[in-house]
């Protein structure tokens, strides 16, 4: 089994800590078929139905 030298492990941990505040969780959404943060579709997703009249 290959192991990383200590200097690369330290560098990896330093970079991970540096960018920890910009970490963004993405999910594969079954509603829209795209990847986005999990809280995008808080309301039920209803596709636009062109047979319904538009409201003013």
N, C-alpha and C. Protein backbone atom coordinates (compact mmCIF):
# COMPACT_ATOMS: atom_id res chain seq x y z
N UNK A 1 0.83 -1.18 0.00
CA UNK A 1 0.00 0.00 0.00
C UNK A 1 0.88 1.25 0.00
N UNK A 2 0.56 2.20 -0.87
CA UNK A 2 1.32 3.43 -0.94
C UNK A 2 0.81 4.43 0.09
N UNK A 3 1.73 5.12 0.71
CA UNK A 3 1.36 6.17 1.66
C UNK A 3 1.94 7.49 1.18
N UNK A 4 1.27 8.57 1.51
CA UNK A 4 1.74 9.90 1.13
C UNK A 4 2.83 10.35 2.10
N UNK A 5 3.84 11.02 1.60
CA UNK A 5 4.83 11.61 2.52
C UNK A 5 4.15 12.63 3.44
N UNK A 6 4.71 12.82 4.58
CA UNK A 6 4.12 13.71 5.59
C UNK A 6 3.93 15.12 5.05
N UNK A 7 4.87 15.61 4.21
CA UNK A 7 4.75 16.98 3.72
C UNK A 7 3.50 17.16 2.86
N UNK A 8 3.12 16.14 2.07
CA UNK A 8 1.91 16.25 1.25
C UNK A 8 0.65 16.15 2.11
N UNK A 9 0.69 15.35 3.14
CA UNK A 9 -0.45 15.26 4.06
C UNK A 9 -0.65 16.59 4.76
N UNK A 10 0.42 17.20 5.22
CA UNK A 10 0.33 18.51 5.88
C UNK A 10 -0.19 19.57 4.91
N UNK A 11 0.28 19.54 3.67
CA UNK A 11 -0.18 20.50 2.67
C UNK A 11 -1.67 20.31 2.38
N UNK A 12 -2.09 19.05 2.23
CA UNK A 12 -3.50 18.75 1.98
C UNK A 12 -4.37 19.28 3.11
N UNK A 13 -3.96 19.04 4.34
CA UNK A 13 -4.74 19.51 5.49
C UNK A 13 -4.77 21.03 5.55
N UNK A 14 -3.66 21.70 5.22
CA UNK A 14 -3.61 23.15 5.23
C UNK A 14 -4.56 23.74 4.18
N UNK A 15 -4.57 23.15 2.98
CA UNK A 15 -5.46 23.62 1.92
C UNK A 15 -6.92 23.36 2.30
N UNK A 16 -7.19 22.20 2.87
CA UNK A 16 -8.55 21.87 3.28
C UNK A 16 -9.06 22.86 4.33
N UNK A 17 -8.23 23.23 5.29
CA UNK A 17 -8.62 24.20 6.31
C UNK A 17 -8.82 25.59 5.71
N UNK A 18 -7.98 25.94 4.73
CA UNK A 18 -8.06 27.26 4.12
C UNK A 18 -9.39 27.45 3.38
N UNK A 19 -9.88 26.40 2.72
CA UNK A 19 -11.10 26.50 1.93
C UNK A 19 -12.32 25.91 2.63
N UNK A 20 -12.22 25.61 3.90
CA UNK A 20 -13.32 25.01 4.62
C UNK A 20 -14.55 25.93 4.67
N UNK A 21 -14.34 27.24 4.71
CA UNK A 21 -15.47 28.17 4.80
C UNK A 21 -16.22 28.34 3.48
N UNK A 22 -15.67 27.90 2.38
CA UNK A 22 -16.37 28.00 1.09
C UNK A 22 -16.87 26.64 0.61
N UNK A 23 -16.92 25.69 1.52
CA UNK A 23 -17.42 24.35 1.19
C UNK A 23 -18.89 24.44 0.82
N UNK A 24 -19.26 23.81 -0.29
CA UNK A 24 -20.64 23.84 -0.76
C UNK A 24 -21.10 22.41 -1.03
N UNK A 25 -22.19 22.03 -0.40
CA UNK A 25 -22.73 20.70 -0.61
C UNK A 25 -23.66 20.73 -1.82
N UNK A 26 -23.48 19.81 -2.74
CA UNK A 26 -24.34 19.69 -3.91
C UNK A 26 -25.01 18.33 -3.90
N UNK A 27 -26.25 18.31 -4.36
CA UNK A 27 -26.99 17.05 -4.47
C UNK A 27 -27.45 16.88 -5.92
N UNK A 28 -27.69 15.64 -6.31
CA UNK A 28 -28.29 15.35 -7.61
C UNK A 28 -29.80 15.40 -7.40
N UNK A 29 -30.45 16.43 -7.92
CA UNK A 29 -31.87 16.65 -7.68
C UNK A 29 -32.71 15.83 -8.66
N UNK A 30 -33.65 15.06 -8.12
CA UNK A 30 -34.54 14.28 -8.96
C UNK A 30 -35.69 15.13 -9.50
N UNK A 31 -35.97 16.27 -8.87
CA UNK A 31 -37.06 17.13 -9.33
C UNK A 31 -36.72 17.86 -10.61
N UNK A 32 -35.52 18.44 -10.67
CA UNK A 32 -35.16 19.24 -11.84
C UNK A 32 -34.07 18.60 -12.69
N UNK A 33 -33.44 17.52 -12.20
CA UNK A 33 -32.41 16.84 -12.98
C UNK A 33 -31.08 17.56 -13.01
N UNK A 34 -30.81 18.44 -12.04
CA UNK A 34 -29.58 19.22 -12.01
C UNK A 34 -28.89 19.00 -10.67
N UNK A 35 -27.68 19.55 -10.52
CA UNK A 35 -26.95 19.52 -9.27
C UNK A 35 -27.02 20.90 -8.64
N UNK A 36 -27.39 20.98 -7.36
CA UNK A 36 -27.47 22.25 -6.65
C UNK A 36 -27.48 21.99 -5.15
N UNK A 37 -27.37 23.08 -4.32
CA UNK A 37 -27.45 22.89 -2.87
C UNK A 37 -28.80 22.29 -2.49
N UNK A 38 -28.85 21.54 -1.40
CA UNK A 38 -30.08 20.81 -1.06
C UNK A 38 -31.28 21.67 -0.70
N UNK A 39 -31.10 22.94 -0.35
CA UNK A 39 -32.23 23.75 0.09
C UNK A 39 -32.85 24.61 -1.02
N UNK A 40 -32.55 24.35 -2.28
CA UNK A 40 -33.11 25.14 -3.38
C UNK A 40 -34.61 24.93 -3.51
N UNK A 41 -35.06 23.69 -3.50
CA UNK A 41 -36.48 23.38 -3.70
C UNK A 41 -37.19 23.20 -2.36
N UNK A 42 -37.31 24.29 -1.61
CA UNK A 42 -38.04 24.20 -0.35
C UNK A 42 -39.54 24.13 -0.61
N UNK A 43 -40.01 24.79 -1.63
CA UNK A 43 -41.41 24.71 -2.04
C UNK A 43 -41.57 23.55 -3.01
N UNK A 44 -42.74 22.93 -3.05
CA UNK A 44 -42.94 21.85 -4.03
C UNK A 44 -42.72 22.36 -5.45
N UNK A 45 -42.07 21.57 -6.25
CA UNK A 45 -41.74 21.94 -7.62
C UNK A 45 -42.91 21.60 -8.53
N UNK A 46 -43.45 22.62 -9.22
CA UNK A 46 -44.52 22.38 -10.18
C UNK A 46 -44.09 22.98 -11.51
N UNK A 47 -43.95 22.17 -12.51
CA UNK A 47 -43.56 22.70 -13.83
C UNK A 47 -44.65 23.58 -14.42
N UNK A 48 -44.25 24.49 -15.26
CA UNK A 48 -45.18 25.41 -15.90
C UNK A 48 -46.11 24.64 -16.83
N UNK A 49 -47.39 24.88 -16.70
CA UNK A 49 -48.39 24.24 -17.55
C UNK A 49 -48.98 25.31 -18.47
N UNK A 50 -48.70 25.20 -19.76
CA UNK A 50 -49.13 26.23 -20.70
C UNK A 50 -50.63 26.22 -20.95
N UNK A 51 -51.34 25.20 -20.50
CA UNK A 51 -52.80 25.16 -20.70
C UNK A 51 -53.54 26.03 -19.69
N UNK A 52 -52.88 26.41 -18.60
CA UNK A 52 -53.51 27.27 -17.61
C UNK A 52 -53.33 28.72 -18.01
N UNK A 53 -54.34 29.56 -17.81
CA UNK A 53 -54.20 31.00 -18.14
C UNK A 53 -53.23 31.68 -17.20
N UNK A 54 -52.49 32.65 -17.73
CA UNK A 54 -51.55 33.40 -16.91
C UNK A 54 -52.30 34.42 -16.05
N UNK A 55 -51.79 34.63 -14.83
CA UNK A 55 -52.38 35.65 -13.96
C UNK A 55 -51.71 36.98 -14.26
N UNK A 56 -52.48 38.05 -14.08
CA UNK A 56 -51.97 39.39 -14.38
C UNK A 56 -51.06 39.88 -13.31
